[in-house]
Amino acid sequence: MNVEVEKLIGHQRRRDGSIQFLVPWEGYPAEDATFRDAKLFRTSLYGIRVVEDYLETFGNLPEELDV
């Protein structure tokens, strides 16, 4: 089963400097959301748009995402 990501609800920078986004899954409670590597969202125009939509929710881009 392939589930499409509709939105991102958070992010974290790992010790190695990589970014992960917190992804809620359709049909599951928010506490079941999981972190996925940011690089996975670069493989499609849809993934890029989901990230852009998330970044637009910030007034000023968080320092850890300003790369």
PDB file of N, CA and C in Angstrom:
ATOM      1  N   MET A   1       0.846  -1.182   0.000  1.00  0.00           N
ATOM      2  CA  MET A   1       0.000   0.000   0.000  1.00  0.00           C
ATOM      3  C   MET A   1       0.892   1.247   0.000  1.00  0.00           C
ATOM      4  N   ASN A   2       0.585   2.168  -0.847  1.00  0.00           N
ATOM      5  CA  ASN A   2       1.335   3.413  -0.956  1.00  0.00           C
ATOM      6  C   ASN A   2       0.482   4.547  -0.405  1.00  0.00           C
ATOM      7  N   VAL A   3       0.969   5.231   0.610  1.00  0.00           N
ATOM      8  CA  VAL A   3       0.223   6.318   1.230  1.00  0.00           C
ATOM      9  C   VAL A   3       0.895   7.629   0.860  1.00  0.00           C
ATOM     10  N   GLU A   4       0.103   8.572   0.366  1.00  0.00           N
ATOM     11  CA  GLU A   4       0.642   9.865  -0.027  1.00  0.00           C
ATOM     12  C   GLU A   4       0.641  10.826   1.156  1.00  0.00           C
ATOM     13  N   VAL A   5       1.715  11.550   1.292  1.00  0.00           N
ATOM     14  CA  VAL A   5       1.848  12.539   2.365  1.00  0.00           C
ATOM     15  C   VAL A   5       1.051  13.775   1.983  1.00  0.00           C
ATOM     16  N   GLU A   6       0.158  14.208   2.866  1.00  0.00           N
ATOM     17  CA  GLU A   6      -0.644  15.398   2.596  1.00  0.00           C
ATOM     18  C   GLU A   6      -0.020  16.660   3.170  1.00  0.00           C
ATOM     19  N   LYS A   7       0.697  16.507   4.290  1.00  0.00           N
ATOM     20  CA  LYS A   7       1.296  17.677   4.938  1.00  0.00           C
ATOM     21  C   LYS A   7       2.386  17.210   5.884  1.00  0.00           C
ATOM     22  N   LEU A   8       3.175  18.154   6.323  1.00  0.00           N
ATOM     23  CA  LEU A   8       4.212  17.916   7.324  1.00  0.00           C
ATOM     24  C   LEU A   8       3.824  18.680   8.580  1.00  0.00           C
ATOM     25  N   ILE A   9       4.108  18.104   9.739  1.00  0.00           N
ATOM     26  CA  ILE A   9       3.680  18.761  10.980  1.00  0.00           C
ATOM     27  C   ILE A   9       4.829  19.105  11.911  1.00  0.00           C
ATOM     28  N   GLY A  10       6.054  18.844  11.492  1.00  0.00           N
ATOM     29  CA  GLY A  10       7.201  19.172  12.324  1.00  0.00           C
ATOM     30  C   GLY A  10       8.488  18.795  11.630  1.00  0.00           C
ATOM     31  N   HIS A  11       9.596  19.093  12.291  1.00  0.00           N
ATOM     32  CA  HIS A  11      10.901  18.753  11.737  1.00  0.00           C
ATOM     33  C   HIS A  11      11.916  18.643  12.862  1.00  0.00           C
ATOM     34  N   GLN A  12      13.043  18.035  12.539  1.00  0.00           N
ATOM     35  CA  GLN A  12      14.160  17.958  13.470  1.00  0.00           C
ATOM     36  C   GLN A  12      15.457  17.882  12.678  1.00  0.00           C
ATOM     37  N   ARG A  13      16.520  18.427  13.259  1.00  0.00           N
ATOM     38  CA  ARG A  13      17.867  18.283  12.684  1.00  0.00           C
ATOM     39  C   ARG A  13      18.567  17.213  13.505  1.00  0.00           C
ATOM     40  N   ARG A  14      19.084  16.222  12.824  1.00  0.00           N
ATOM     41  CA  ARG A  14      19.783  15.122  13.494  1.00  0.00           C
ATOM     42  C   ARG A  14      21.232  15.509  13.784  1.00  0.00           C
ATOM     43  N   ARG A  15      21.882  14.745  14.611  1.00  0.00           N
ATOM     44  CA  ARG A  15      23.275  15.030  14.986  1.00  0.00           C
ATOM     45  C   ARG A  15      24.197  15.076  13.783  1.00  0.00           C
ATOM     46  N   ASP A  16      23.879  14.299  12.736  1.00  0.00           N
ATOM     47  CA  ASP A  16      24.725  14.291  11.541  1.00  0.00           C
ATOM     48  C   ASP A  16      24.442  15.477  10.618  1.00  0.00           C
ATOM     49  N   GLY A  17      23.506  16.364  11.043  1.00  0.00           N
ATOM     50  CA  GLY A  17      23.185  17.555  10.266  1.00  0.00           C
ATOM     51  C   GLY A  17      22.028  17.382   9.301  1.00  0.00           C
ATOM     52  N   SER A  18      21.558  16.165   9.114  1.00  0.00           N
ATOM     53  CA  SER A  18      20.437  15.936   8.201  1.00  0.00           C
ATOM     54  C   SER A  18      19.131  16.405   8.831  1.00  0.00           C
ATOM     55  N   ILE A  19      18.175  16.707   7.976  1.00  0.00           N
ATOM     56  CA  ILE A  19      16.849  17.161   8.413  1.00  0.00           C
ATOM     57  C   ILE A  19      15.847  16.033   8.200  1.00  0.00           C
ATOM     58  N   GLN A  20      14.936  15.895   9.148  1.00  0.00           N
ATOM     59  CA  GLN A  20      13.817  14.970   9.003  1.00  0.00           C
ATOM     60  C   GLN A  20      12.529  15.746   9.226  1.00  0.00           C
ATOM     61  N   PHE A  21      11.486  15.344   8.498  1.00  0.00           N
ATOM     62  CA  PHE A  21      10.169  15.944   8.656  1.00  0.00           C
ATOM     63  C   PHE A  21       9.231  14.956   9.329  1.00  0.00           C
ATOM     64  N   LEU A  22       8.355  15.485  10.189  1.00  0.00           N
ATOM     65  CA  LEU A  22       7.369  14.671  10.888  1.00  0.00           C
ATOM     66  C   LEU A  22       6.124  14.554  10.013  1.00  0.00           C
ATOM     67  N   VAL A  23       5.759  13.305   9.699  1.00  0.00           N
ATOM     68  CA  VAL A  23       4.685  13.028   8.748  1.00  0.00           C
ATOM     69  C   VAL A  23       3.523  12.321   9.447  1.00  0.00           C
ATOM     70  N   PRO A  24       2.320  12.930   9.418  1.00  0.00           N
ATOM     71  CA  PRO A  24       1.142  12.225   9.921  1.00  0.00           C
ATOM     72  C   PRO A  24       0.618  11.306   8.822  1.00  0.00           C
ATOM     73  N   TRP A  25       0.073  10.175   9.193  1.00  0.00           N
ATOM     74  CA  TRP A  25      -0.424   9.214   8.206  1.00  0.00           C
ATOM     75  C   TRP A  25      -1.947   9.174   8.221  1.00  0.00           C
ATOM     76  N   GLU A  26      -2.532   9.258   7.031  1.00  0.00           N
ATOM     77  CA  GLU A  26      -3.984   9.286   6.885  1.00  0.00           C
ATOM     78  C   GLU A  26      -4.601   8.042   7.526  1.00  0.00           C
ATOM     79  N   GLY A  27      -5.615   8.283   8.340  1.00  0.00           N
ATOM     80  CA  GLY A  27      -6.319   7.189   9.000  1.00  0.00           C
ATOM     81  C   GLY A  27      -5.706   6.769  10.327  1.00  0.00           C
ATOM     82  N   TYR A  28      -4.616   7.427  10.725  1.00  0.00           N
ATOM     83  CA  TYR A  28      -3.942   7.102  11.974  1.00  0.00           C
ATOM     84  C   TYR A  28      -3.902   8.338  12.866  1.00  0.00           C
ATOM     85  N   PRO A  29      -3.885   8.142  14.195  1.00  0.00           N
ATOM     86  CA  PRO A  29      -3.821   9.296  15.102  1.00  0.00           C
ATOM     87  C   PRO A  29      -2.484  10.024  14.984  1.00  0.00           C
ATOM     88  N   ALA A  30      -2.473  11.280  15.373  1.00  0.00           N
ATOM     89  CA  ALA A  30      -1.280  12.122  15.270  1.00  0.00           C
ATOM     90  C   ALA A  30      -0.089  11.529  16.017  1.00  0.00           C
ATOM     91  N   GLU A  31      -0.330  10.829  17.111  1.00  0.00           N
ATOM     92  CA  GLU A  31       0.791  10.259  17.864  1.00  0.00           C
ATOM     93  C   GLU A  31       1.501   9.134  17.106  1.00  0.00           C
ATOM     94  N   ASP A  32       0.919   8.674  16.006  1.00  0.00           N
ATOM     95  CA  ASP A  32       1.564   7.663  15.165  1.00  0.00           C
ATOM     96  C   ASP A  32       2.378   8.285  14.027  1.00  0.00           C
ATOM     97  N   ALA A  33       2.485   9.611  14.006  1.00  0.00           N
ATOM     98  CA  ALA A  33       3.293  10.279  12.981  1.00  0.00           C
ATOM     99  C   ALA A  33       4.746   9.826  13.124  1.00  0.00           C
ATOM    100  N   THR A  34       5.454   9.783  12.007  1.00  0.00           N
ATOM    101  CA  THR A  34       6.847   9.337  12.026  1.00  0.00           C
ATOM    102  C   THR A  34       7.734  10.338  11.288  1.00  0.00           C
ATOM    103  N   PHE A  35       9.014  10.340  11.632  1.00  0.00           N
ATOM    104  CA  PHE A  35       9.984  11.198  10.961  1.00  0.00           C
ATOM    105  C   PHE A  35      10.509  10.505   9.714  1.00  0.00           C
ATOM    106  N   ARG A  36      10.640  11.277   8.633  1.00  0.00           N
ATOM    107  CA  ARG A  36      11.184  10.788   7.365  1.00  0.00           C
ATOM    108  C   ARG A  36      12.248  11.748   6.883  1.00  0.00           C
ATOM    109  N   ASP A  37      13.318  11.208   6.309  1.00  0.00           N
ATOM    110  CA  ASP A  37      14.420  12.034   5.806  1.00  0.00           C
ATOM    111  C   ASP A  37      13.935  13.034   4.770  1.00  0.00           C
ATOM    112  N   ALA A  38      14.429  14.261   4.882  1.00  0.00           N
ATOM    113  CA  ALA A  38      14.053  15.325   3.955  1.00  0.00           C
ATOM    114  C   ALA A  38      14.387  14.971   2.519  1.00  0.00           C
ATOM    115  N   LYS A  39      15.474  14.230   2.311  1.00  0.00           N
ATOM    116  CA  LYS A  39      15.882  13.885   0.947  1.00  0.00           C
ATOM    117  C   LYS A  39      14.821  13.071   0.203  1.00  0.00           C
ATOM    118  N   LEU A  40      13.956  12.377   0.926  1.00  0.00           N
ATOM    119  CA  LEU A  40      12.889  11.611   0.283  1.00  0.00           C
ATOM    120  C   LEU A  40      11.865  12.503  -0.409  1.00  0.00           C
ATOM    121  N   PHE A  41      11.791  13.758   0.010  1.00  0.00           N
ATOM    122  CA  PHE A  41      10.810  14.680  -0.541  1.00  0.00           C
ATOM    123  C   PHE A  41      11.322  15.405  -1.785  1.00  0.00           C
ATOM    124  N   ARG A  42      12.571  15.171  -2.142  1.00  0.00           N
ATOM    125  CA  ARG A  42      13.164  15.815  -3.316  1.00  0.00           C
ATOM    126  C   ARG A  42      12.942  15.030  -4.605  1.00  0.00           C
ATOM    127  N   THR A  43      12.351  13.861  -4.505  1.00  0.00           N
ATOM    128  CA  THR A  43      12.258  12.974  -5.664  1.00  0.00           C
ATOM    129  C   THR A  43      11.040  13.220  -6.546  1.00  0.00           C
ATOM    130  N   SER A  44      10.151  14.097  -6.125  1.00  0.00           N
ATOM    131  CA  SER A  44       8.965  14.381  -6.946  1.00  0.00           C
ATOM    132  C   SER A  44       8.535  15.829  -6.770  1.00  0.00           C
ATOM    133  N   LEU A  45       7.847  16.339  -7.763  1.00  0.00           N
ATOM    134  CA  LEU A  45       7.312  17.701  -7.656  1.00  0.00           C
ATOM    135  C   LEU A  45       6.313  17.796  -6.514  1.00  0.00           C
ATOM    136  N   TYR A  46       5.530  16.734  -6.304  1.00  0.00           N
ATOM    137  CA  TYR A  46       4.564  16.731  -5.217  1.00  0.00           C
ATOM    138  C   TYR A  46       5.277  16.819  -3.862  1.00  0.00           C
ATOM    139  N   GLY A  47       6.349  16.052  -3.678  1.00  0.00           N
ATOM    140  CA  GLY A  47       7.110  16.088  -2.429  1.00  0.00           C
ATOM    141  C   GLY A  47       7.706  17.453  -2.176  1.00  0.00           C
ATOM    142  N   ILE A  48       8.221  18.064  -3.219  1.00  0.00           N
ATOM    143  CA  ILE A  48       8.785  19.411  -3.099  1.00  0.00           C
ATOM    144  C   ILE A  48       7.703  20.392  -2.681  1.00  0.00           C
ATOM    145  N   ARG A  49       6.519  20.268  -3.250  1.00  0.00           N
ATOM    146  CA  ARG A  49       5.406  21.166  -2.917  1.00  0.00           C
ATOM    147  C   ARG A  49       4.976  21.002  -1.455  1.00  0.00           C
ATOM    148  N   VAL A  50       4.945  19.764  -0.966  1.00  0.00           N
ATOM    149  CA  VAL A  50       4.579  19.515   0.434  1.00  0.00           C
ATOM    150  C   VAL A  50       5.570  20.224   1.366  1.00  0.00           C
ATOM    151  N   VAL A  51       6.855  20.150   1.046  1.00  0.00           N
ATOM    152  CA  VAL A  51       7.872  20.827   1.853  1.00  0.00           C
ATOM    153  C   VAL A  51       7.697  22.341   1.755  1.00  0.00           C
ATOM    154  N   GLU A  52       7.476  22.857   0.557  1.00  0.00           N
ATOM    155  CA  GLU A  52       7.262  24.299   0.388  1.00  0.00           C
ATOM    156  C   GLU A  52       6.065  24.775   1.192  1.00  0.00           C
ATOM    157  N   ASP A  53       4.980  23.999   1.173  1.00  0.00           N
ATOM    158  CA  ASP A  53       3.791  24.357   1.960  1.00  0.00           C
ATOM    159  C   ASP A  53       4.115  24.419   3.450  1.00  0.00           C
ATOM    160  N   TYR A  54       4.911  23.475   3.928  1.00  0.00           N
ATOM    161  CA  TYR A  54       5.302  23.457   5.337  1.00  0.00           C
ATOM    162  C   TYR A  54       6.145  24.689   5.675  1.00  0.00           C
ATOM    163  N   LEU A  55       7.103  24.993   4.828  1.00  0.00           N
ATOM    164  CA  LEU A  55       7.991  26.130   5.083  1.00  0.00           C
ATOM    165  C   LEU A  55       7.232  27.455   5.082  1.00  0.00           C
ATOM    166  N   GLU A  56       6.170  27.548   4.293  1.00  0.00           N
ATOM    167  CA  GLU A  56       5.366  28.768   4.247  1.00  0.00           C
ATOM    168  C   GLU A  56       4.610  29.026   5.541  1.00  0.00           C
ATOM    169  N   THR A  57       4.513  28.023   6.416  1.00  0.00           N
ATOM    170  CA  THR A  57       3.789  28.204   7.680  1.00  0.00           C
ATOM    171  C   THR A  57       4.596  29.016   8.689  1.00  0.00           C
ATOM    172  N   PHE A  58       5.878  29.241   8.414  1.00  0.00           N
ATOM    173  CA  PHE A  58       6.742  30.004   9.308  1.00  0.00           C
ATOM    174  C   PHE A  58       6.806  31.450   8.854  1.00  0.00           C
ATOM    175  N   GLY A  59       6.760  32.375   9.807  1.00  0.00           N
ATOM    176  CA  GLY A  59       6.979  33.760   9.477  1.00  0.00           C
ATOM    177  C   GLY A  59       8.416  33.975   9.032  1.00  0.00           C
ATOM    178  N   ASN A  60       9.328  33.511   9.854  1.00  0.00           N
ATOM    179  CA  ASN A  60      10.752  33.517   9.533  1.00  0.00           C
ATOM    180  C   ASN A  60      11.204  32.064   9.542  1.00  0.00           C
ATOM    181  N   LEU A  61      11.964  31.687   8.556  1.00  0.00           N
ATOM    182  CA  LEU A  61      12.439  30.314   8.448  1.00  0.00           C
ATOM    183  C   LEU A  61      13.306  29.963   9.642  1.00  0.00           C
ATOM    184  N   PRO A  62      13.016  28.845  10.326  1.00  0.00           N
ATOM    185  CA  PRO A  62      13.857  28.433  11.457  1.00  0.00           C
ATOM    186  C   PRO A  62      15.309  28.259  11.003  1.00  0.00           C
ATOM    187  N   GLU A  63      16.229  28.638  11.859  1.00  0.00           N
ATOM    188  CA  GLU A  63      17.661  28.587  11.530  1.00  0.00           C
ATOM    189  C   GLU A  63      18.095  27.213  11.009  1.00  0.00           C
ATOM    190  N   GLU A  64      17.575  26.155  11.617  1.00  0.00           N
ATOM    191  CA  GLU A  64      18.000  24.807  11.232  1.00  0.00           C
ATOM    192  C   GLU A  64      17.524  24.416   9.830  1.00  0.00           C
ATOM    193  N   LEU A  65      16.542  25.138   9.294  1.00  0.00           N
ATOM    194  CA  LEU A  65      16.058  24.840   7.950  1.00  0.00           C
ATOM    195  C   LEU A  65      16.613  25.802   6.902  1.00  0.00           C
ATOM    196  N   ASP A  66      17.307  26.823   7.347  1.00  0.00           N
ATOM    197  CA  ASP A  66      17.849  27.814   6.430  1.00  0.00           C
ATOM    198  C   ASP A  66      19.200  27.340   5.918  1.00  0.00           C
ATOM    199  N   VAL A  67      19.145  26.472   4.928  1.00  0.00           N
ATOM    200  CA  VAL A  67      20.385  25.899   4.362  1.00  0.00           C
ATOM    201  C   VAL A  67      20.559  26.306   2.932  1.00  0.00           C
TER     202      VAL A  67
END
